[in-house]
């Protein structure tokens, strides 16, 4: 519907587009029956032809409403049709019944105050037309049409206000939904940024740290046979870091881990355990009946082990650490235990703003929670530390 049509259909009944067809049909039936009734009771050669011509003009004028609406002449059209109908009604009161579809049409195209005035004037015209053919002065012929017209206007006014109130509620709801969608988009963007940051920390950051340790060890033992192997290991780790960079940039899961069997997961964990850990000897143990894991769960296990061993290397001053992967019927349990200095978990503080090491345990906890798992930390000064992560195997 174009702007001109919308502006024309702005009255009380403007939103009921299906009403037009019924109004046209009822109007044509009423005009036809009124004209036939007048012709049956009056001489056509006297003044009957004038009434029939007026009825034909009323039909043509009524059907010109779309043209008037297109040229913004709805007020002129309404007054013209109503005046022509009034002249017919005063001459032939049977045309009074045509007031109903004409009044509805006026209510469709005019604002309430103007439409109400015209409808009241039409009801008064009906009363005058009926009084002309009545033998006695009957006050109900005045009160009846006017009262019915007023009640009809009041009822439709109430409907219009209720419809407007509902439309406001719908508009408010749509705006609230838009704000909610925008908030969800912002939250999703923040969550994605946090996930990417966590992936970079847990994969690329750990790989670069390992490369640095390998190269430091190779530098200290340069010229010895093991220095070449350490350089080769650093190169392999650098290639893994490059793969992790590509994966993070393209936001793709590690396809090599998708549906990976237990030997592949174990091999990856063994590689991590064999990397230098600040003088700490790391052992790996796998218990239970192993099974393939999804890429997301396999990555979570590997990143959790990396993060836990990074904390052992940087803080624990431990001699030994044990990584245990346990397959249960409905869950996968990962334990990283060291015999280091330990600490009070209650003393953990959030990382300072701007710190380059901004994830650590918080990042591990978020990663585990994202898969529906739990992460617990058990430690005390001088008693070492145990990090336990439990993943539901439904996540696989």
Protein backbone atom coordinates (compact mmCIF):
# COMPACT_ATOMS: atom_id res chain seq x y z
CA UNK A 1 0.00 0.00 0.00
CA UNK A 2 1.53 3.33 -1.06
CA UNK A 3 1.73 6.51 1.03
CA UNK A 4 -1.26 8.11 -0.61
CA UNK A 5 -3.46 5.10 0.04
CA UNK A 6 -2.26 4.92 3.62
CA UNK A 7 -3.00 8.59 4.19
CA UNK A 8 -6.49 8.11 2.79
CA UNK A 9 -7.23 5.11 5.01
CA UNK A 10 -6.56 6.82 8.29
CA UNK A 11 -10.02 6.79 9.86
CA UNK A 12 -11.54 4.56 12.51
CA UNK A 13 -12.09 1.71 10.05
CA UNK A 14 -9.12 2.45 7.87
CA UNK A 15 -7.28 -0.70 8.93
CA UNK A 16 -10.11 -3.06 7.89
CA UNK A 17 -9.36 -3.47 4.19
CA UNK A 18 -11.77 -6.41 3.73
CA UNK A 19 -14.67 -4.16 4.66
CA UNK A 20 -14.62 -2.48 1.25
CA UNK A 21 -16.03 -5.43 -0.67
CA UNK A 22 -18.96 -5.87 1.69
CA UNK A 23 -19.67 -2.13 1.73
CA UNK A 24 -19.77 -2.01 -2.07
CA UNK A 25 -22.12 -4.99 -2.28
CA UNK A 26 -24.48 -3.78 0.44
CA UNK A 27 -24.50 -0.23 -0.96
CA UNK A 28 -25.44 -1.42 -4.45
CA UNK A 29 -28.20 -3.65 -3.06
CA UNK A 30 -29.66 -0.84 -0.92
CA UNK A 31 -29.54 1.75 -3.72
CA UNK A 32 -31.15 -0.67 -6.16
CA UNK A 33 -33.95 -1.73 -3.81
CA UNK A 34 -34.60 1.90 -2.76
CA UNK A 35 -34.84 3.01 -6.39
CA UNK A 36 -37.15 0.11 -7.30
CA UNK A 37 -39.36 0.84 -4.29
CA UNK A 38 -39.66 4.50 -5.28
CA UNK A 39 -40.41 3.57 -8.90
CA UNK A 40 -43.12 1.12 -7.78
CA UNK A 41 -44.93 3.83 -5.83
CA UNK A 42 -44.41 6.89 -8.02
CA UNK A 43 -44.87 7.93 -11.62
CA UNK A 44 -41.67 7.62 -13.59
CA UNK A 45 -42.65 10.37 -16.04
CA UNK A 46 -43.40 12.87 -13.27
CA UNK A 47 -40.31 13.00 -11.08
CA UNK A 48 -39.30 9.33 -10.91
CA UNK A 49 -36.68 9.79 -13.64
CA UNK A 50 -35.01 12.48 -11.48
CA UNK A 51 -34.73 10.10 -8.52
CA UNK A 52 -33.31 7.33 -10.73
CA UNK A 53 -30.78 9.76 -12.18
CA UNK A 54 -29.82 10.83 -8.66
CA UNK A 55 -29.44 7.18 -7.61
CA UNK A 56 -27.18 6.53 -10.62
CA UNK A 57 -25.12 9.62 -9.78
CA UNK A 58 -24.84 8.43 -6.15
CA UNK A 59 -23.50 5.05 -7.29
CA UNK A 60 -20.97 6.66 -9.63
CA UNK A 61 -19.87 9.12 -6.96
CA UNK A 62 -19.54 6.34 -4.38
CA UNK A 63 -17.35 4.30 -6.73
CA UNK A 64 -15.05 7.29 -7.32
CA UNK A 65 -13.61 7.03 -3.78
CA UNK A 66 -10.27 5.46 -4.87
CA UNK A 67 -9.78 8.30 -7.37
CA UNK A 68 -10.50 10.90 -4.69
CA UNK A 69 -8.12 9.14 -2.27
CA UNK A 70 -5.34 9.12 -4.86
CA UNK A 71 -5.68 12.91 -5.29
CA UNK A 72 -6.12 13.68 -1.57
CA UNK A 73 -9.75 14.75 -2.11
CA UNK A 74 -11.38 12.51 0.49
CA UNK A 75 -13.05 15.41 2.29
CA UNK A 76 -14.52 16.74 -0.96
CA UNK A 77 -15.64 13.25 -1.94
CA UNK A 78 -17.27 12.65 1.45
CA UNK A 79 -19.20 15.92 1.40
CA UNK A 80 -20.30 15.43 -2.21
CA UNK A 81 -21.59 11.88 -1.69
CA UNK A 82 -23.28 12.78 1.62
CA UNK A 83 -25.01 15.85 0.13
CA UNK A 84 -26.21 13.87 -2.89
CA UNK A 85 -27.50 11.10 -0.60
CA UNK A 86 -29.20 13.70 1.65
CA UNK A 87 -31.04 15.22 -1.32
CA UNK A 88 -32.27 11.78 -2.37
CA UNK A 89 -33.31 10.88 1.20
CA UNK A 90 -35.29 14.08 1.69
CA UNK A 91 -37.13 13.38 -1.58
CA UNK A 92 -37.37 9.59 -1.18
CA UNK A 93 -36.92 8.50 2.50
CA UNK A 94 -36.33 4.86 1.47
CA UNK A 95 -32.78 5.91 0.53
CA UNK A 96 -32.17 6.51 4.25
CA UNK A 97 -30.96 2.91 4.53
CA UNK A 98 -28.03 3.77 2.24
CA UNK A 99 -26.70 5.89 5.11
CA UNK A 100 -25.16 2.81 6.73
CA UNK A 101 -22.56 1.90 4.03
CA UNK A 102 -21.94 5.59 3.29
CA UNK A 103 -21.29 6.28 6.99
CA UNK A 104 -18.85 3.36 7.15
CA UNK A 105 -17.06 4.65 4.07
CA UNK A 106 -16.77 8.09 5.66
CA UNK A 107 -15.39 6.52 8.83
CA UNK A 108 -12.74 4.85 6.69
CA UNK A 109 -11.33 7.97 5.10
CA UNK A 110 -11.85 10.83 7.58
CA UNK A 111 -10.56 11.57 11.04
CA UNK A 112 -12.83 10.90 13.95
CA UNK A 113 -14.05 14.42 14.74
CA UNK A 114 -14.92 15.23 11.13
CA UNK A 115 -16.45 11.79 10.52
CA UNK A 116 -18.51 12.04 13.73
CA UNK A 117 -19.99 15.38 12.67
CA UNK A 118 -20.91 14.07 9.24
CA UNK A 119 -22.47 10.89 10.63
CA UNK A 120 -24.59 12.87 13.13
CA UNK A 121 -25.76 15.16 10.33
CA UNK A 122 -26.69 12.08 8.28
CA UNK A 123 -28.75 10.68 11.17
CA UNK A 124 -30.57 13.99 11.48
CA UNK A 125 -31.25 13.89 7.74
CA UNK A 126 -32.73 10.41 8.15
CA UNK A 127 -35.00 11.74 10.91
CA UNK A 128 -36.14 14.66 8.78
CA UNK A 129 -36.85 12.39 5.79
CA UNK A 130 -38.93 10.02 7.89
CA UNK A 131 -40.81 12.88 9.59
CA UNK A 132 -41.83 14.23 6.17
CA UNK A 133 -43.78 11.08 5.39
CA UNK A 134 -45.09 10.56 8.92
CA UNK A 135 -48.60 11.64 9.83
CA UNK A 136 -47.68 12.46 13.42
CA UNK A 137 -44.63 14.02 15.04
CA UNK A 138 -42.84 11.02 16.48
CA UNK A 139 -39.84 11.93 18.71
CA UNK A 140 -38.41 8.41 18.32
CA UNK A 141 -37.80 9.18 14.64
CA UNK A 142 -35.30 11.80 15.85
CA UNK A 143 -33.90 10.20 18.99
CA UNK A 144 -33.61 6.72 17.44
CA UNK A 145 -31.32 7.43 14.43
CA UNK A 146 -29.25 10.02 16.29
CA UNK A 147 -28.82 7.78 19.35
CA UNK A 148 -27.87 4.78 17.27
CA UNK A 149 -25.38 6.88 15.31
CA UNK A 150 -23.77 8.25 18.47
CA UNK A 151 -23.53 4.82 20.09
CA UNK A 152 -21.94 3.44 16.93
CA UNK A 153 -19.39 6.24 16.89
CA UNK A 154 -18.57 5.79 20.57
CA UNK A 155 -18.12 2.04 20.12
CA UNK A 156 -15.80 2.42 17.16
CA UNK A 157 -13.91 5.20 18.90
CA UNK A 158 -13.24 2.81 21.77
CA UNK A 159 -12.12 0.16 19.30
CA UNK A 160 -9.82 2.64 17.63
CA UNK A 161 -8.20 3.61 20.93
CA UNK A 162 -7.79 -0.03 21.94
CA UNK A 163 -6.24 -0.82 18.57
CA UNK A 164 -3.88 2.13 18.93
CA UNK A 165 -2.89 1.00 22.43
CA UNK A 166 -2.21 -2.51 21.17
CA UNK A 167 -0.17 -1.13 18.30
CA UNK A 168 1.91 0.88 20.76
CA UNK A 169 2.49 -2.27 22.80
CA UNK A 170 3.52 -4.14 19.66
CA UNK A 171 5.88 -1.32 18.70
CA UNK A 172 7.37 -1.30 22.20
CA UNK A 173 7.80 -5.07 22.04
CA UNK A 174 9.52 -4.84 18.66
CA UNK A 175 11.85 -2.15 19.96
CA UNK A 176 12.59 -4.25 23.05
CA UNK A 177 13.33 -7.25 20.83
CA UNK A 178 15.67 -5.14 18.72
CA UNK A 179 17.47 -3.93 21.85
CA UNK A 180 17.68 -7.50 23.14
CA UNK A 181 19.03 -8.74 19.81
CA UNK A 182 21.62 -5.96 19.81
CA UNK A 183 22.62 -6.83 23.38
CA UNK A 184 22.90 -10.48 22.40
CA UNK A 185 25.06 -9.54 19.43
CA UNK A 186 27.32 -7.49 21.69
CA UNK A 187 27.47 -10.30 24.23
CA UNK A 188 28.23 -12.78 21.46
CA UNK A 189 30.99 -10.55 20.13
CA UNK A 190 32.50 -10.20 23.61
CA UNK A 191 32.26 -13.95 24.16
CA UNK A 192 33.92 -14.60 20.82
CA UNK A 193 36.71 -12.16 21.63
CA UNK A 194 37.21 -13.87 24.99
CA UNK A 195 37.25 -17.29 23.30
CA UNK A 196 39.80 -16.20 20.70
CA UNK A 197 41.94 -14.59 23.39
CA UNK A 198 41.74 -17.78 25.44
CA UNK A 199 42.67 -19.91 22.43
CA UNK A 200 45.67 -17.71 21.68
CA UNK A 201 46.81 -17.89 25.28
CA UNK A 202 46.28 -21.63 25.66
CA UNK A 203 47.77 -22.67 22.30
CA UNK A 204 50.03 -20.11 20.70
CA UNK A 205 51.23 -18.60 23.99
CA UNK A 206 52.12 -21.99 25.43
CA UNK A 207 53.86 -23.05 22.20
CA UNK A 208 55.95 -19.88 22.11
CA UNK A 209 56.88 -20.35 25.75
CA UNK A 210 57.98 -23.92 25.01
CA UNK A 211 59.97 -22.78 22.00
CA UNK A 212 61.74 -20.24 24.19
CA UNK A 213 62.64 -22.92 26.74
CA UNK A 214 63.90 -25.33 24.08
CA UNK A 215 66.09 -22.66 22.51
CA UNK A 216 67.45 -21.59 25.90
CA UNK A 217 68.33 -25.21 26.69
CA UNK A 218 69.93 -25.62 23.27
CA UNK A 219 71.96 -22.45 23.75
CA UNK A 220 73.26 -23.64 27.11
CA UNK A 221 74.30 -27.02 25.68
CA UNK A 222 75.39 -25.79 22.28
CA UNK A 223 77.85 -28.16 20.70
CA UNK A 224 76.47 -31.17 22.51
CA UNK A 225 74.40 -33.83 20.66
CA UNK A 226 71.16 -33.02 22.49
CA UNK A 227 71.25 -29.38 21.39
CA UNK A 228 70.38 -30.34 17.80
CA UNK A 229 67.39 -32.39 19.00
CA UNK A 230 66.20 -29.47 21.10
CA UNK A 231 66.37 -27.16 18.10
CA UNK A 232 64.40 -29.70 16.05
CA UNK A 233 61.80 -29.92 18.81
CA UNK A 234 61.55 -26.13 18.89
CA UNK A 235 61.01 -26.13 15.13
CA UNK A 236 58.22 -28.72 15.43
CA UNK A 237 56.61 -26.67 18.17
CA UNK A 238 56.86 -23.57 15.99
CA UNK A 239 55.03 -25.39 13.20
CA UNK A 240 52.33 -26.37 15.68
CA UNK A 241 52.04 -22.74 16.78
CA UNK A 242 51.68 -21.71 13.14
CA UNK A 243 48.86 -24.22 12.72
CA UNK A 244 47.21 -22.82 15.84
CA UNK A 245 47.49 -19.29 14.45
CA UNK A 246 45.77 -20.35 11.24
CA UNK A 247 43.08 -22.15 13.19
CA UNK A 248 42.36 -19.14 15.38
CA UNK A 249 42.37 -16.72 12.46
CA UNK A 250 39.93 -18.82 10.46
CA UNK A 251 37.96 -19.85 13.56
CA UNK A 252 38.15 -23.49 12.60
CA UNK A 253 38.34 -26.55 14.80
CA UNK A 254 41.46 -28.72 14.58
CA UNK A 255 40.27 -31.31 12.05
CA UNK A 256 43.13 -33.59 13.01
CA UNK A 257 41.44 -34.02 16.38
CA UNK A 258 37.89 -34.45 15.10
CA UNK A 259 36.81 -37.92 16.10
CA UNK A 260 40.38 -38.69 17.06
CA UNK A 261 40.99 -42.09 18.58
CA UNK A 262 42.59 -42.47 21.97
CA UNK A 263 46.12 -43.12 20.61
CA UNK A 264 46.12 -39.75 18.81
CA UNK A 265 44.99 -37.90 21.94
CA UNK A 266 47.52 -39.79 24.03
CA UNK A 267 50.28 -38.98 21.54
CA UNK A 268 49.47 -35.28 21.67
CA UNK A 269 49.43 -35.29 25.46
CA UNK A 270 52.71 -37.23 25.53
CA UNK A 271 54.33 -34.57 23.35
CA UNK A 272 53.21 -31.91 25.81
CA UNK A 273 54.50 -33.93 28.77
CA UNK A 274 57.91 -34.33 27.11
CA UNK A 275 58.39 -30.60 26.64
CA UNK A 276 60.64 -28.79 29.17
CA UNK A 277 58.70 -27.80 32.27
CA UNK A 278 61.20 -25.78 34.28
CA UNK A 279 63.02 -28.84 35.61
CA UNK A 280 59.83 -30.70 36.53
CA UNK A 281 59.55 -34.30 35.32
CA UNK A 282 56.09 -34.90 33.84
CA UNK A 283 54.45 -38.30 33.50
CA UNK A 284 51.26 -39.22 31.63
CA UNK A 285 48.82 -41.99 32.58
CA UNK A 286 45.60 -43.01 30.82
CA UNK A 287 43.01 -45.10 32.67
CA UNK A 288 39.72 -46.63 31.59
CA UNK A 289 38.28 -47.70 28.24
CA UNK A 290 39.24 -44.92 25.86
CA UNK A 291 37.03 -43.70 23.01
CA UNK A 292 37.09 -41.12 20.20
CA UNK A 293 36.49 -37.49 21.20
CA UNK A 294 35.07 -34.56 19.31
CA UNK A 295 37.43 -31.82 18.15
CA UNK A 296 36.06 -29.39 20.74
CA UNK A 297 36.49 -31.79 23.65
CA UNK A 298 39.92 -32.98 22.48
CA UNK A 299 41.14 -29.39 22.17
CA UNK A 300 39.75 -28.58 25.61
CA UNK A 301 41.70 -31.50 27.13
CA UNK A 302 44.93 -30.53 25.38
CA UNK A 303 44.63 -26.84 26.23
CA UNK A 304 43.79 -27.65 29.85
CA UNK A 305 46.90 -29.81 30.17
CA UNK A 306 49.01 -27.10 28.56
CA UNK A 307 47.65 -24.43 30.86
CA UNK A 308 48.02 -26.55 33.98
CA UNK A 309 51.65 -27.48 33.16
CA UNK A 310 52.40 -23.85 32.37
CA UNK A 311 51.29 -22.94 35.89
CA UNK A 312 53.45 -25.77 37.28
CA UNK A 313 56.42 -24.50 35.33
CA UNK A 314 55.97 -20.87 36.31
CA UNK A 315 54.87 -21.14 39.94
CA UNK A 316 55.08 -24.61 41.49
CA UNK A 317 58.86 -25.23 41.69
CA UNK A 318 57.94 -28.92 41.58
CA UNK A 319 60.18 -31.92 40.94
CA UNK A 320 57.44 -34.15 39.54
CA UNK A 321 54.02 -33.78 37.98
CA UNK A 322 51.51 -36.42 36.95
CA UNK A 323 48.89 -36.00 34.21
CA UNK A 324 46.09 -38.56 34.49
CA UNK A 325 43.33 -38.98 31.90
CA UNK A 326 40.48 -41.22 33.07
CA UNK A 327 37.65 -42.45 30.81
CA UNK A 328 34.47 -43.26 32.77
CA UNK A 329 31.12 -44.36 31.39
CA UNK A 330 29.65 -40.88 31.06
CA UNK A 331 32.51 -38.49 31.78
CA UNK A 332 36.14 -37.79 31.10
CA UNK A 333 38.31 -36.78 34.08
CA UNK A 334 41.62 -34.98 33.80
CA UNK A 335 43.92 -34.58 36.83
CA UNK A 336 47.21 -32.69 36.93
CA UNK A 337 49.06 -33.23 40.20
CA UNK A 338 52.43 -31.73 41.23
CA UNK A 339 54.58 -31.91 44.36
CA UNK A 340 55.48 -28.25 44.33
CA UNK A 341 55.23 -25.48 46.88
CA UNK A 342 51.46 -25.17 46.70
CA UNK A 343 49.47 -22.08 47.69
CA UNK A 344 46.24 -20.93 49.23
CA UNK A 345 43.51 -20.99 46.51
CA UNK A 346 41.65 -18.28 48.41
CA UNK A 347 44.58 -15.96 47.76
CA UNK A 348 44.08 -16.12 43.99
CA UNK A 349 43.49 -12.68 42.55
CA UNK A 350 42.11 -11.57 39.22
CA UNK A 351 44.79 -10.58 36.69
CA UNK A 352 45.66 -6.92 36.58
CA UNK A 353 44.36 -4.84 33.69
CA UNK A 354 46.84 -4.80 30.85
CA UNK A 355 48.62 -7.98 32.01
CA UNK A 356 49.93 -10.14 29.19
CA UNK A 357 49.17 -13.26 31.24
CA UNK A 358 45.50 -12.55 31.55
CA UNK A 359 43.84 -15.98 31.48
CA UNK A 360 45.54 -18.78 33.41
CA UNK A 361 43.13 -20.58 35.73
CA UNK A 362 40.22 -18.28 34.83
CA UNK A 363 40.64 -19.14 31.15
CA UNK A 364 40.83 -22.85 31.93
CA UNK A 365 37.68 -22.65 34.04
CA UNK A 366 35.79 -20.84 31.27
CA UNK A 367 36.85 -23.40 28.69
CA UNK A 368 35.77 -26.33 30.84
CA UNK A 369 32.46 -24.66 31.78
CA UNK A 370 31.69 -24.00 28.10
CA UNK A 371 31.50 -27.79 27.61
CA UNK A 372 29.31 -28.33 30.67
CA UNK A 373 32.22 -29.51 32.81
CA UNK A 374 33.65 -28.51 36.16
CA UNK A 375 37.14 -27.54 37.24
CA UNK A 376 38.40 -27.79 40.81
CA UNK A 377 41.69 -26.74 42.38
CA UNK A 378 43.08 -28.33 45.54
CA UNK A 379 46.22 -26.91 47.04
CA UNK A 380 47.86 -25.83 50.29
CA UNK A 381 51.32 -24.40 51.07
CA UNK A 382 53.98 -27.10 50.94
CA UNK A 383 51.54 -29.82 49.86
CA UNK A 384 51.53 -29.41 46.10
CA UNK A 385 48.58 -28.71 43.84
CA UNK A 386 45.96 -30.85 42.10
CA UNK A 387 43.89 -29.49 39.23
CA UNK A 388 40.90 -31.65 38.31
CA UNK A 389 38.66 -31.11 35.29
CA UNK A 390 35.61 -33.26 34.57
CA UNK A 391 33.98 -33.21 31.11
CA UNK A 392 30.67 -34.91 30.28
CA UNK A 393 31.17 -37.28 27.40
CA UNK A 394 27.87 -36.08 25.95
CA UNK A 395 29.88 -33.09 24.74
CA UNK A 396 31.68 -35.50 22.41
